[in-house]
Structures are given as C-alpha cells and as structure tokens.
C-alpha cells in the first residue's frame, strides 16, 4: 500500500474518531445538564450568575477531556514501540504531535460544551423549581 494512501486512511480515521468523541461528549453533557436542571435552577434562583453556571458545565466537560487525554497519552506511550514501524517521517516520541493532538481534543471539547452550557444558562429558575 502506498505511503500516502495509508496516511490518508489514518488521517480520516483520526478525524472520524475526534468527531465521534465530540458527539459523545456533547451527549453526556447535554444529558447531565438536563438531569441537573433543578439544581441549576436553584443555583440561579439563589443568585448564581450565568457565567458561574457556564463555568460549571465547562469544568465538567474539561474534566472528562483531561481524563481522556491522560489515558490516551499513557496508552500511546505504551504502544509506541509496537507501532513505530507504521510511522513515516515522524519520530515515535514526537512532542509536537502529542501537544497538537491534546490541544485539538481540548478545542473540540470546548465546542462540544458550548450548547449544553448555553442551555444551562437559559434555565428559568421558576420553571425548574415548579417542575417537580
């Protein structure tokens, strides 16, 4: 198989994996905001600012991304020796590649957190308290 074709296939697979992780993270955060709407409504009724609710949701999403990044980096360091023959033009422990992958994961995470965080800041405290 030509090197360019295998590189394209791996790049497409990595992009698809990043897209699927963003969808999964969005789903988890949207579900969490939906389940915690009463709590968020109480926080806002007691005077919490929308910025603090935004930070609450963003912190939860970034904690998930951080744990995924740490686990992924540990696994990649463990598997680098066995996958070193597949690398073309990149050293096995290329710091720039690891940094770029981690930063792209955090950028996608912040985008995935945007809609649930915005929805959390728009919760009406009275409607959330009347819900149950």
Protein backbone atom coordinates (compact mmCIF):
# COMPACT_ATOMS: atom_id res chain seq x y z
CA UNK A 1 0.00 0.00 0.00
CA UNK A 2 1.46 3.42 -0.90
CA UNK A 3 2.51 5.59 2.00
CA UNK A 4 0.23 8.49 1.01
CA UNK A 5 -2.83 6.28 0.85
CA UNK A 6 -2.19 4.74 4.26
CA UNK A 7 -1.55 8.22 5.68
CA UNK A 8 -4.83 9.45 4.25
CA UNK A 9 -6.70 6.49 5.69
CA UNK A 10 -5.19 7.00 9.14
CA UNK A 11 -5.94 10.75 9.00
CA UNK A 12 -9.57 10.08 8.05
CA UNK A 13 -9.89 7.55 10.86
CA UNK A 14 -8.43 10.03 13.35
CA UNK A 15 -10.81 12.75 12.18
CA UNK A 16 -13.75 10.39 12.49
CA UNK A 17 -12.64 9.40 15.99
CA UNK A 18 -12.39 13.06 17.01
CA UNK A 19 -15.84 13.76 15.57
CA UNK A 20 -17.38 10.78 17.37
CA UNK A 21 -15.75 11.79 20.65
CA UNK A 22 -17.20 15.30 20.27
CA UNK A 23 -20.68 13.89 19.66
CA UNK A 24 -20.34 11.57 22.66
CA UNK A 25 -19.11 14.34 24.92
CA UNK A 26 -21.92 16.62 23.78
CA UNK A 27 -24.44 13.87 24.54
CA UNK A 28 -23.05 13.25 28.01
CA UNK A 29 -23.02 16.95 28.87
CA UNK A 30 -26.49 17.58 27.44
CA UNK A 31 -27.83 14.65 29.46
CA UNK A 32 -26.07 15.93 32.59
CA UNK A 33 -27.46 19.45 32.16
CA UNK A 34 -30.93 18.03 31.59
CA UNK A 35 -30.70 15.88 34.73
CA UNK A 36 -29.31 18.77 36.78
CA UNK A 37 -31.77 21.42 35.59
CA UNK A 38 -33.42 21.59 39.01
CA UNK A 39 -30.05 22.07 40.72
CA UNK A 40 -29.01 24.70 38.19
CA UNK A 41 -32.38 26.44 38.61
CA UNK A 42 -31.90 26.55 42.38
CA UNK A 43 -28.38 27.95 41.93
CA UNK A 44 -29.70 30.66 39.64
CA UNK A 45 -32.63 31.41 41.98
CA UNK A 46 -30.14 31.90 44.82
CA UNK A 47 -28.17 34.39 42.76
CA UNK A 48 -25.68 32.44 40.70
CA UNK A 49 -24.55 34.36 37.66
CA UNK A 50 -24.84 32.79 34.21
CA UNK A 51 -21.04 32.92 33.95
CA UNK A 52 -20.68 30.68 37.01
CA UNK A 53 -23.18 28.18 35.56
CA UNK A 54 -21.25 28.32 32.28
CA UNK A 55 -18.01 27.55 34.16
CA UNK A 56 -19.70 24.68 36.00
CA UNK A 57 -20.65 22.93 32.76
CA UNK A 58 -17.36 23.75 31.06
CA UNK A 59 -15.39 22.44 34.04
CA UNK A 60 -17.31 19.17 33.91
CA UNK A 61 -16.59 18.77 30.18
CA UNK A 62 -12.94 19.67 30.52
CA UNK A 63 -12.53 17.15 33.34
CA UNK A 64 -13.82 14.45 31.00
CA UNK A 65 -11.47 15.62 28.25
CA UNK A 66 -8.50 15.79 30.61
CA UNK A 67 -9.06 12.25 31.83
CA UNK A 68 -9.40 11.06 28.22
CA UNK A 69 -6.24 12.90 27.17
CA UNK A 70 -4.21 11.49 30.06
CA UNK A 71 -5.43 7.96 29.38
CA UNK A 72 -4.78 8.36 25.65
CA UNK A 73 -1.27 9.71 26.21
CA UNK A 74 -0.42 6.87 28.58
CA UNK A 75 -1.71 4.29 26.12
CA UNK A 76 0.12 5.92 23.21
CA UNK A 77 3.40 5.91 25.14
CA UNK A 78 2.86 2.23 25.93
CA UNK A 79 2.04 1.29 22.34
CA UNK A 80 4.59 3.48 20.55
CA UNK A 81 7.25 0.77 20.36
CA UNK A 82 4.92 -1.68 18.67
CA UNK A 83 3.58 0.94 16.24
CA UNK A 84 6.93 2.58 15.42
CA UNK A 85 7.22 0.70 12.11
CA UNK A 86 3.99 2.33 10.88
CA UNK A 87 5.28 5.85 11.41
CA UNK A 88 6.66 7.55 8.32
CA UNK A 89 8.74 10.68 8.75
CA UNK A 90 7.73 11.16 12.39
CA UNK A 91 9.81 10.06 15.35
CA UNK A 92 7.97 7.75 17.80
CA UNK A 93 8.05 10.24 20.66
CA UNK A 94 7.34 13.47 18.75
CA UNK A 95 6.32 16.02 21.36
CA UNK A 96 4.71 18.35 18.80
CA UNK A 97 2.35 15.60 17.67
CA UNK A 98 1.27 14.81 21.23
CA UNK A 99 0.76 18.51 22.01
CA UNK A 100 -1.22 19.09 18.81
CA UNK A 101 -3.43 16.06 19.45
CA UNK A 102 -4.12 17.14 23.03
CA UNK A 103 -4.85 20.75 22.06
CA UNK A 104 -7.18 19.65 19.28
CA UNK A 105 -9.03 17.43 21.77
CA UNK A 106 -9.47 20.36 24.16
CA UNK A 107 -10.62 22.65 21.32
CA UNK A 108 -13.24 20.12 20.23
CA UNK A 109 -14.27 19.67 23.86
CA UNK A 110 -14.86 23.39 24.30
CA UNK A 111 -17.01 23.38 21.16
CA UNK A 112 -18.95 20.36 22.42
CA UNK A 113 -19.53 22.11 25.76
CA UNK A 114 -20.91 25.26 24.15
CA UNK A 115 -24.53 24.20 23.54
CA UNK A 116 -25.13 22.45 26.88
CA UNK A 117 -23.53 25.38 28.73
CA UNK A 118 -25.66 27.88 26.84
CA UNK A 119 -28.77 25.81 27.55
CA UNK A 120 -27.83 25.67 31.25
CA UNK A 121 -27.55 29.45 31.47
CA UNK A 122 -31.02 29.86 29.96
CA UNK A 123 -32.82 27.68 32.53
CA UNK A 124 -35.69 29.58 34.12
CA UNK A 125 -35.35 29.18 37.91
CA UNK A 126 -39.11 29.28 38.50
CA UNK A 127 -39.83 26.68 35.83
CA UNK A 128 -37.10 24.42 37.21
CA UNK A 129 -38.49 24.68 40.74
CA UNK A 130 -42.10 24.14 39.58
CA UNK A 131 -41.15 21.11 37.51
CA UNK A 132 -41.41 18.61 40.38
